């Protein structure tokens, strides 16, 4: 798999972290963490790798969490946000296998990538893999560290990705609402109010790197039937369910 591009570590803006982020980074001792969430998006119809890269770059500029990492310090943890970060997009071609084998190997890929540790001190804290199943059938797999991504995040990412990609196919720039707040804004507000969470009760069950005891389960099943009458369709798959975008003609 491709390694992240070289990053000028001095180019980042230093911003506050939330208390939970600080707790998480300290809990893993600043080591790489495998608490990742996979999001697989099925794309049937026109697929252009160059457009996908352009869309990912636009998303990186739009959302600070896609170009940030953490800097542990003796007296706390800092959020480092870079002006831009080049997305990592690997390619896996499964088109030579039959359908059953493609699904098996795709599921294995999703689970393997989800278990690959993420370095919380180097951006980005996410990565992407394009999986070719057929000439007009691809899956865009994104892997996110859970410290920057959850169920709400997946809705925003899916909305922005599909809108930008559909607009690129039409050669039309969609008008997405500007983000009214970034996570660093919330972190500053939280620290201003000193809204630190109370400590966990002694003996409370928790996973090794999450002191809050949060559990998650990965489901990597990909639907077997695809819409045949749509020029472009997306399906988001994973533990949070699926949703399909409106059909869009090129």
C-alpha atoms as a PDB file:
ATOM      1  CA  UNK A   1       0.000   0.000   0.000  1.00  0.00           C
ATOM      2  CA  UNK A   2       1.103   3.559  -0.685  1.00  0.00           C
ATOM      3  CA  UNK A   3       2.707   5.460   2.171  1.00  0.00           C
ATOM      4  CA  UNK A   4       1.510   9.019   2.894  1.00  0.00           C
ATOM      5  CA  UNK A   5       3.387  11.759   1.086  1.00  0.00           C
ATOM      6  CA  UNK A   6       6.129  13.686   2.876  1.00  0.00           C
ATOM      7  CA  UNK A   7       4.607  16.352   5.106  1.00  0.00           C
ATOM      8  CA  UNK A   8       6.171  19.648   6.149  1.00  0.00           C
ATOM      9  CA  UNK A   9       5.487  19.259   9.859  1.00  0.00           C
ATOM     10  CA  UNK A  10       6.220  22.955  10.474  1.00  0.00           C
ATOM     11  CA  UNK A  11       3.459  24.150   8.128  1.00  0.00           C
ATOM     12  CA  UNK A  12       0.570  23.247  10.415  1.00  0.00           C
ATOM     13  CA  UNK A  13      -1.624  25.579  12.428  1.00  0.00           C
ATOM     14  CA  UNK A  14      -1.737  24.585  16.099  1.00  0.00           C
ATOM     15  CA  UNK A  15      -5.258  24.456  17.522  1.00  0.00           C
ATOM     16  CA  UNK A  16      -6.893  23.040  20.652  1.00  0.00           C
ATOM     17  CA  UNK A  17      -8.145  19.473  20.973  1.00  0.00           C
ATOM     18  CA  UNK A  18     -11.286  18.273  22.676  1.00  0.00           C
ATOM     19  CA  UNK A  19     -10.857  16.577  26.033  1.00  0.00           C
ATOM     20  CA  UNK A  20     -11.875  13.245  24.497  1.00  0.00           C
ATOM     21  CA  UNK A  21      -9.284  13.580  21.726  1.00  0.00           C
ATOM     22  CA  UNK A  22      -6.595  14.363  24.284  1.00  0.00           C
ATOM     23  CA  UNK A  23      -7.669  11.400  26.392  1.00  0.00           C
ATOM     24  CA  UNK A  24      -7.612   9.100  23.365  1.00  0.00           C
ATOM     25  CA  UNK A  25      -4.138  10.131  22.189  1.00  0.00           C
ATOM     26  CA  UNK A  26      -2.752   9.775  25.712  1.00  0.00           C
ATOM     27  CA  UNK A  27      -4.451   6.378  26.116  1.00  0.00           C
ATOM     28  CA  UNK A  28      -2.572   4.941  23.130  1.00  0.00           C
ATOM     29  CA  UNK A  29       0.673   6.549  24.331  1.00  0.00           C
ATOM     30  CA  UNK A  30       0.974   8.379  21.005  1.00  0.00           C
ATOM     31  CA  UNK A  31       1.405   5.031  19.244  1.00  0.00           C
ATOM     32  CA  UNK A  32      -0.309   4.030  16.014  1.00  0.00           C
ATOM     33  CA  UNK A  33      -3.897   2.985  16.643  1.00  0.00           C
ATOM     34  CA  UNK A  34      -6.080   0.444  14.812  1.00  0.00           C
ATOM     35  CA  UNK A  35      -9.414   1.810  16.052  1.00  0.00           C
ATOM     36  CA  UNK A  36     -10.521   2.404  12.461  1.00  0.00           C
ATOM     37  CA  UNK A  37     -13.903   2.592  10.763  1.00  0.00           C
ATOM     38  CA  UNK A  38     -14.266   1.401   7.148  1.00  0.00           C
ATOM     39  CA  UNK A  39     -16.753   2.984   4.755  1.00  0.00           C
ATOM     40  CA  UNK A  40     -17.299   1.248   1.410  1.00  0.00           C
ATOM     41  CA  UNK A  41     -19.173   3.127  -1.318  1.00  0.00           C
ATOM     42  CA  UNK A  42     -20.327   1.163  -4.334  1.00  0.00           C
ATOM     43  CA  UNK A  43     -20.200   3.105  -7.607  1.00  0.00           C
ATOM     44  CA  UNK A  44     -21.907   1.802 -10.722  1.00  0.00           C
ATOM     45  CA  UNK A  45     -21.628   3.667 -14.001  1.00  0.00           C
ATOM     46  CA  UNK A  46     -19.019   6.196 -15.105  1.00  0.00           C
ATOM     47  CA  UNK A  47     -15.844   6.162 -13.028  1.00  0.00           C
ATOM     48  CA  UNK A  48     -12.913   8.513 -13.517  1.00  0.00           C
ATOM     49  CA  UNK A  49      -9.964   8.131 -11.135  1.00  0.00           C
ATOM     50  CA  UNK A  50      -8.761  11.656 -11.878  1.00  0.00           C
ATOM     51  CA  UNK A  51     -12.146  13.083 -10.898  1.00  0.00           C
ATOM     52  CA  UNK A  52     -12.195  11.009  -7.719  1.00  0.00           C
ATOM     53  CA  UNK A  53      -8.765  12.367  -6.720  1.00  0.00           C
ATOM     54  CA  UNK A  54      -9.939  15.921  -7.469  1.00  0.00           C
ATOM     55  CA  UNK A  55     -13.046  15.385  -5.331  1.00  0.00           C
ATOM     56  CA  UNK A  56     -10.988  13.980  -2.445  1.00  0.00           C
ATOM     57  CA  UNK A  57      -8.688  16.999  -2.676  1.00  0.00           C
ATOM     58  CA  UNK A  58     -11.712  19.307  -2.537  1.00  0.00           C
ATOM     59  CA  UNK A  59     -12.989  17.469   0.536  1.00  0.00           C
ATOM     60  CA  UNK A  60      -9.594  17.809   2.213  1.00  0.00           C
ATOM     61  CA  UNK A  61      -9.723  21.585   1.713  1.00  0.00           C
ATOM     62  CA  UNK A  62     -13.329  21.713   2.908  1.00  0.00           C
ATOM     63  CA  UNK A  63     -12.948  19.730   6.151  1.00  0.00           C
ATOM     64  CA  UNK A  64     -10.125  20.351   8.634  1.00  0.00           C
ATOM     65  CA  UNK A  65     -10.390  16.841  10.083  1.00  0.00           C
ATOM     66  CA  UNK A  66      -9.178  15.429   6.753  1.00  0.00           C
ATOM     67  CA  UNK A  67      -5.858  17.308   7.047  1.00  0.00           C
ATOM     68  CA  UNK A  68      -5.068  17.135  10.742  1.00  0.00           C
ATOM     69  CA  UNK A  69      -3.096  15.057  13.222  1.00  0.00           C
ATOM     70  CA  UNK A  70      -2.103  15.333  16.878  1.00  0.00           C
ATOM     71  CA  UNK A  71       1.018  16.579  18.621  1.00  0.00           C
ATOM     72  CA  UNK A  72       1.458  15.157  22.118  1.00  0.00           C
ATOM     73  CA  UNK A  73       3.094  17.596  24.536  1.00  0.00           C
ATOM     74  CA  UNK A  74       4.133  17.291  28.170  1.00  0.00           C
ATOM     75  CA  UNK A  75       1.234  19.485  29.253  1.00  0.00           C
ATOM     76  CA  UNK A  76      -1.406  18.218  26.816  1.00  0.00           C
ATOM     77  CA  UNK A  77      -2.149  17.306  23.221  1.00  0.00           C
ATOM     78  CA  UNK A  78      -2.288  19.791  20.348  1.00  0.00           C
ATOM     79  CA  UNK A  79      -4.296  19.619  17.120  1.00  0.00           C
ATOM     80  CA  UNK A  80      -2.130  20.296  14.067  1.00  0.00           C
ATOM     81  CA  UNK A  81      -4.040  21.325  10.915  1.00  0.00           C
ATOM     82  CA  UNK A  82      -2.225  21.632   7.580  1.00  0.00           C
ATOM     83  CA  UNK A  83      -3.279  23.961   4.731  1.00  0.00           C
ATOM     84  CA  UNK A  84      -3.695  20.897   2.529  1.00  0.00           C
ATOM     85  CA  UNK A  85      -2.741  17.215   2.497  1.00  0.00           C
ATOM     86  CA  UNK A  86      -2.542  15.030  -0.589  1.00  0.00           C
ATOM     87  CA  UNK A  87      -5.078  12.162  -0.353  1.00  0.00           C
ATOM     88  CA  UNK A  88      -3.737   8.605  -0.398  1.00  0.00           C
ATOM     89  CA  UNK A  89      -5.669   6.589  -3.019  1.00  0.00           C
ATOM     90  CA  UNK A  90      -4.468   3.033  -3.664  1.00  0.00           C
ATOM     91  CA  UNK A  91      -5.846   0.781  -6.400  1.00  0.00           C
ATOM     92  CA  UNK A  92      -6.850  -2.887  -6.196  1.00  0.00           C
ATOM     93  CA  UNK A  93      -8.134  -4.694  -9.296  1.00  0.00           C
ATOM     94  CA  UNK A  94     -10.447  -7.665  -8.622  1.00  0.00           C
ATOM     95  CA  UNK A  95     -12.106  -7.658 -12.033  1.00  0.00           C
ATOM     96  CA  UNK A  96     -10.368 -10.870 -13.114  1.00  0.00           C
ATOM     97  CA  UNK A  97     -12.155 -13.010 -10.490  1.00  0.00           C
ATOM     98  CA  UNK A  98     -15.688 -14.399 -10.619  1.00  0.00           C
ATOM     99  CA  UNK A  99     -18.417 -12.658  -8.604  1.00  0.00           C
ATOM    100  CA  UNK A 100     -18.217 -14.893  -5.542  1.00  0.00           C
ATOM    101  CA  UNK A 101     -14.436 -14.595  -5.367  1.00  0.00           C
ATOM    102  CA  UNK A 102     -14.615 -10.816  -5.868  1.00  0.00           C
ATOM    103  CA  UNK A 103     -16.967 -10.449  -2.907  1.00  0.00           C
ATOM    104  CA  UNK A 104     -14.786 -12.685  -0.722  1.00  0.00           C
ATOM    105  CA  UNK A 105     -11.602 -10.812  -1.576  1.00  0.00           C
ATOM    106  CA  UNK A 106     -13.317  -7.446  -1.185  1.00  0.00           C
ATOM    107  CA  UNK A 107     -14.520  -8.362   2.307  1.00  0.00           C
ATOM    108  CA  UNK A 108     -11.012  -9.534   3.216  1.00  0.00           C
ATOM    109  CA  UNK A 109      -9.553  -6.266   1.923  1.00  0.00           C
ATOM    110  CA  UNK A 110     -11.977  -4.171   3.982  1.00  0.00           C
ATOM    111  CA  UNK A 111     -11.230  -6.068   7.182  1.00  0.00           C
ATOM    112  CA  UNK A 112      -7.468  -6.067   6.559  1.00  0.00           C
ATOM    113  CA  UNK A 113      -7.390  -2.324   5.903  1.00  0.00           C
ATOM    114  CA  UNK A 114      -9.556  -1.638   8.958  1.00  0.00           C
ATOM    115  CA  UNK A 115      -6.994  -3.436  11.133  1.00  0.00           C
ATOM    116  CA  UNK A 116      -3.987  -1.556   9.689  1.00  0.00           C
ATOM    117  CA  UNK A 117      -2.806   0.935  12.346  1.00  0.00           C
ATOM    118  CA  UNK A 118      -3.130   4.671  11.846  1.00  0.00           C
ATOM    119  CA  UNK A 119      -0.361   6.974  13.056  1.00  0.00           C
ATOM    120  CA  UNK A 120      -2.182   9.673  15.024  1.00  0.00           C
ATOM    121  CA  UNK A 121       0.780  12.057  14.757  1.00  0.00           C
ATOM    122  CA  UNK A 122       0.936  12.242  10.939  1.00  0.00           C
ATOM    123  CA  UNK A 123      -1.783  13.410   8.564  1.00  0.00           C
ATOM    124  CA  UNK A 124      -4.038  12.252   7.157  1.00  0.00           C
ATOM    125  CA  UNK A 125      -5.845  10.083   9.704  1.00  0.00           C
ATOM    126  CA  UNK A 126      -7.725   8.397   6.858  1.00  0.00           C
ATOM    127  CA  UNK A 127      -6.917   6.732   3.554  1.00  0.00           C
ATOM    128  CA  UNK A 128      -8.741   5.474   0.470  1.00  0.00           C
ATOM    129  CA  UNK A 129      -8.610   2.483  -1.854  1.00  0.00           C
ATOM    130  CA  UNK A 130     -10.374   2.212  -5.201  1.00  0.00           C
ATOM    131  CA  UNK A 131     -11.417  -1.357  -5.961  1.00  0.00           C
ATOM    132  CA  UNK A 132     -12.172  -2.282  -9.572  1.00  0.00           C
ATOM    133  CA  UNK A 133     -14.779  -5.029  -9.818  1.00  0.00           C
ATOM    134  CA  UNK A 134     -15.694  -4.458 -13.484  1.00  0.00           C
ATOM    135  CA  UNK A 135     -15.203  -1.692 -16.087  1.00  0.00           C
ATOM    136  CA  UNK A 136     -18.361   0.074 -14.844  1.00  0.00           C
ATOM    137  CA  UNK A 137     -18.371  -1.182 -11.267  1.00  0.00           C
ATOM    138  CA  UNK A 138     -16.065   0.129  -8.563  1.00  0.00           C
ATOM    139  CA  UNK A 139     -15.983   0.371  -4.795  1.00  0.00           C
ATOM    140  CA  UNK A 140     -14.394   3.363  -3.102  1.00  0.00           C
ATOM    141  CA  UNK A 141     -13.163   2.142   0.275  1.00  0.00           C
ATOM    142  CA  UNK A 142     -12.223   4.752   2.856  1.00  0.00           C
ATOM    143  CA  UNK A 143     -10.648   3.911   6.220  1.00  0.00           C
ATOM    144  CA  UNK A 144     -11.014   6.446   9.025  1.00  0.00           C
ATOM    145  CA  UNK A 145      -9.596   6.552  12.484  1.00  0.00           C
ATOM    146  CA  UNK A 146     -12.549   6.787  14.826  1.00  0.00           C
ATOM    147  CA  UNK A 147     -11.120   9.849  16.583  1.00  0.00           C
ATOM    148  CA  UNK A 148     -12.099  11.913  13.480  1.00  0.00           C
ATOM    149  CA  UNK A 149     -15.033   9.920  12.098  1.00  0.00           C
ATOM    150  CA  UNK A 150     -18.362   8.527  13.296  1.00  0.00           C
ATOM    151  CA  UNK A 151     -21.903   7.920  12.074  1.00  0.00           C
ATOM    152  CA  UNK A 152     -22.656  11.623  11.680  1.00  0.00           C
ATOM    153  CA  UNK A 153     -19.394  12.161   9.826  1.00  0.00           C
ATOM    154  CA  UNK A 154     -20.258   9.418   7.340  1.00  0.00           C
ATOM    155  CA  UNK A 155     -23.471  11.226   6.367  1.00  0.00           C
ATOM    156  CA  UNK A 156     -21.600  14.471   5.723  1.00  0.00           C
ATOM    157  CA  UNK A 157     -18.797  12.733   3.813  1.00  0.00           C
ATOM    158  CA  UNK A 158     -21.253  10.734   1.692  1.00  0.00           C
ATOM    159  CA  UNK A 159     -23.311  13.842   0.889  1.00  0.00           C
ATOM    160  CA  UNK A 160     -20.289  15.917  -0.104  1.00  0.00           C
ATOM    161  CA  UNK A 161     -18.563  13.138  -2.047  1.00  0.00           C
ATOM    162  CA  UNK A 162     -21.592  12.221  -4.147  1.00  0.00           C
ATOM    163  CA  UNK A 163     -22.526  15.856  -4.794  1.00  0.00           C
ATOM    164  CA  UNK A 164     -19.014  16.822  -5.882  1.00  0.00           C
ATOM    165  CA  UNK A 165     -18.472  13.713  -8.031  1.00  0.00           C
ATOM    166  CA  UNK A 166     -21.863  13.973  -9.741  1.00  0.00           C
ATOM    167  CA  UNK A 167     -21.173  17.648 -10.398  1.00  0.00           C
ATOM    168  CA  UNK A 168     -17.753  16.829 -11.841  1.00  0.00           C
ATOM    169  CA  UNK A 169     -19.328  14.348 -14.261  1.00  0.00           C
ATOM    170  CA  UNK A 170     -21.769  17.048 -15.381  1.00  0.00           C
ATOM    171  CA  UNK A 171     -18.949  19.624 -15.445  1.00  0.00           C
ATOM    172  CA  UNK A 172     -20.993  21.576 -12.945  1.00  0.00           C
ATOM    173  CA  UNK A 173     -19.829  22.930  -9.587  1.00  0.00           C
ATOM    174  CA  UNK A 174     -22.400  22.059  -6.891  1.00  0.00           C
ATOM    175  CA  UNK A 175     -23.172  24.683  -4.252  1.00  0.00           C
ATOM    176  CA  UNK A 176     -22.507  22.938  -0.963  1.00  0.00           C
ATOM    177  CA  UNK A 177     -23.249  24.804   2.260  1.00  0.00           C
ATOM    178  CA  UNK A 178     -20.091  26.157   3.860  1.00  0.00           C
ATOM    179  CA  UNK A 179     -19.218  24.416   7.143  1.00  0.00           C
ATOM    180  CA  UNK A 180     -20.418  26.699   9.927  1.00  0.00           C
ATOM    181  CA  UNK A 181     -18.087  25.203  12.513  1.00  0.00           C
ATOM    182  CA  UNK A 182     -15.012  22.990  12.612  1.00  0.00           C
ATOM    183  CA  UNK A 183     -14.033  20.564  15.340  1.00  0.00           C
ATOM    184  CA  UNK A 184     -11.340  22.932  16.581  1.00  0.00           C
ATOM    185  CA  UNK A 185     -14.048  25.566  17.164  1.00  0.00           C
ATOM    186  CA  UNK A 186     -15.963  23.101  19.302  1.00  0.00           C
ATOM    187  CA  UNK A 187     -12.765  22.174  21.144  1.00  0.00           C
ATOM    188  CA  UNK A 188     -12.084  25.839  21.957  1.00  0.00           C
ATOM    189  CA  UNK A 189     -15.645  26.277  23.218  1.00  0.00           C
ATOM    190  CA  UNK A 190     -15.432  23.070  25.277  1.00  0.00           C
ATOM    191  CA  UNK A 191     -12.206  24.171  26.939  1.00  0.00           C
ATOM    192  CA  UNK A 192     -13.505  27.655  27.558  1.00  0.00           C
ATOM    193  CA  UNK A 193     -16.387  26.105  29.511  1.00  0.00           C
ATOM    194  CA  UNK A 194     -14.114  23.414  31.022  1.00  0.00           C
ATOM    195  CA  UNK A 195     -16.533  20.684  29.937  1.00  0.00           C
ATOM    196  CA  UNK A 196     -14.301  17.766  30.851  1.00  0.00           C
ATOM    197  CA  UNK A 197     -16.049  14.378  31.087  1.00  0.00           C
ATOM    198  CA  UNK A 198     -16.045  12.745  34.530  1.00  0.00           C
ATOM    199  CA  UNK A 199     -13.618   9.812  34.906  1.00  0.00           C
ATOM    200  CA  UNK A 200     -14.818   6.259  34.309  1.00  0.00           C
ATOM    201  CA  UNK A 201     -15.747   4.282  37.442  1.00  0.00           C
ATOM    202  CA  UNK A 202     -12.963   2.020  38.663  1.00  0.00           C
ATOM    203  CA  UNK A 203     -13.219  -1.422  37.092  1.00  0.00           C
ATOM    204  CA  UNK A 204     -15.499  -0.320  34.251  1.00  0.00           C
ATOM    205  CA  UNK A 205     -15.086  -2.421  31.140  1.00  0.00           C
ATOM    206  CA  UNK A 206     -13.311  -0.644  28.316  1.00  0.00           C
ATOM    207  CA  UNK A 207     -11.334  -1.550  25.259  1.00  0.00           C
ATOM    208  CA  UNK A 208      -7.542  -1.081  25.607  1.00  0.00           C
ATOM    209  CA  UNK A 209      -7.291   2.198  23.746  1.00  0.00           C
ATOM    210  CA  UNK A 210     -10.646   3.813  24.498  1.00  0.00           C
ATOM    211  CA  UNK A 211     -11.137   4.768  28.142  1.00  0.00           C
ATOM    212  CA  UNK A 212     -14.844   5.409  27.549  1.00  0.00           C
ATOM    213  CA  UNK A 213     -15.507   1.740  26.892  1.00  0.00           C
ATOM    214  CA  UNK A 214     -16.923   2.302  23.403  1.00  0.00           C
ATOM    215  CA  UNK A 215     -17.336  -0.834  21.292  1.00  0.00           C
ATOM    216  CA  UNK A 216     -17.660  -1.071  17.546  1.00  0.00           C
ATOM    217  CA  UNK A 217     -18.250  -3.825  15.055  1.00  0.00           C
ATOM    218  CA  UNK A 218     -17.209  -3.852  11.425  1.00  0.00           C
ATOM    219  CA  UNK A 219     -19.554  -5.260   8.821  1.00  0.00           C
ATOM    220  CA  UNK A 220     -18.107  -5.449   5.360  1.00  0.00           C
ATOM    221  CA  UNK A 221     -20.922  -7.072   3.387  1.00  0.00           C
ATOM    222  CA  UNK A 222     -21.402  -5.583  -0.082  1.00  0.00           C
ATOM    223  CA  UNK A 223     -24.813  -5.799  -1.812  1.00  0.00           C
ATOM    224  CA  UNK A 224     -24.980  -8.413  -4.558  1.00  0.00           C
ATOM    225  CA  UNK A 225     -27.571  -6.747  -6.769  1.00  0.00           C
ATOM    226  CA  UNK A 226     -26.821  -3.457  -8.491  1.00  0.00           C
ATOM    227  CA  UNK A 227     -29.169  -0.968 -10.161  1.00  0.00           C
ATOM    228  CA  UNK A 228     -28.937  -1.634 -13.879  1.00  0.00           C
ATOM    229  CA  UNK A 229     -30.964   1.335 -15.140  1.00  0.00           C
ATOM    230  CA  UNK A 230     -28.970   4.164 -13.584  1.00  0.00           C
ATOM    231  CA  UNK A 231     -26.116   5.974 -15.273  1.00  0.00           C
ATOM    232  CA  UNK A 232     -24.538   6.806 -11.935  1.00  0.00           C
ATOM    233  CA  UNK A 233     -25.440   5.501  -8.522  1.00  0.00           C
ATOM    234  CA  UNK A 234     -23.752   5.264  -5.164  1.00  0.00           C
ATOM    235  CA  UNK A 235     -24.454   2.914  -2.321  1.00  0.00           C
ATOM    236  CA  UNK A 236     -22.857   3.349   1.061  1.00  0.00           C
ATOM    237  CA  UNK A 237     -22.292   0.073   2.850  1.00  0.00           C
ATOM    238  CA  UNK A 238     -21.198  -0.794   6.345  1.00  0.00           C
ATOM    239  CA  UNK A 239     -22.479  -0.961   9.885  1.00  0.00           C
ATOM    240  CA  UNK A 240     -24.493   2.251   9.561  1.00  0.00           C
ATOM    241  CA  UNK A 241     -26.638   0.953   6.700  1.00  0.00           C
ATOM    242  CA  UNK A 242     -26.840   2.111   3.100  1.00  0.00           C
ATOM    243  CA  UNK A 243     -28.221   4.966   1.104  1.00  0.00           C
ATOM    244  CA  UNK A 244     -28.321   5.611  -2.614  1.00  0.00           C
ATOM    245  CA  UNK A 245     -27.913   8.977  -4.265  1.00  0.00           C
ATOM    246  CA  UNK A 246     -30.231  10.234  -7.024  1.00  0.00           C
ATOM    247  CA  UNK A 247     -29.292   9.071 -10.506  1.00  0.00           C
ATOM    248  CA  UNK A 248     -27.146  11.565 -12.342  1.00  0.00           C
ATOM    249  CA  UNK A 249     -26.458  11.586 -16.060  1.00  0.00           C
ATOM    250  CA  UNK A 250     -23.051  12.536 -17.362  1.00  0.00           C
END
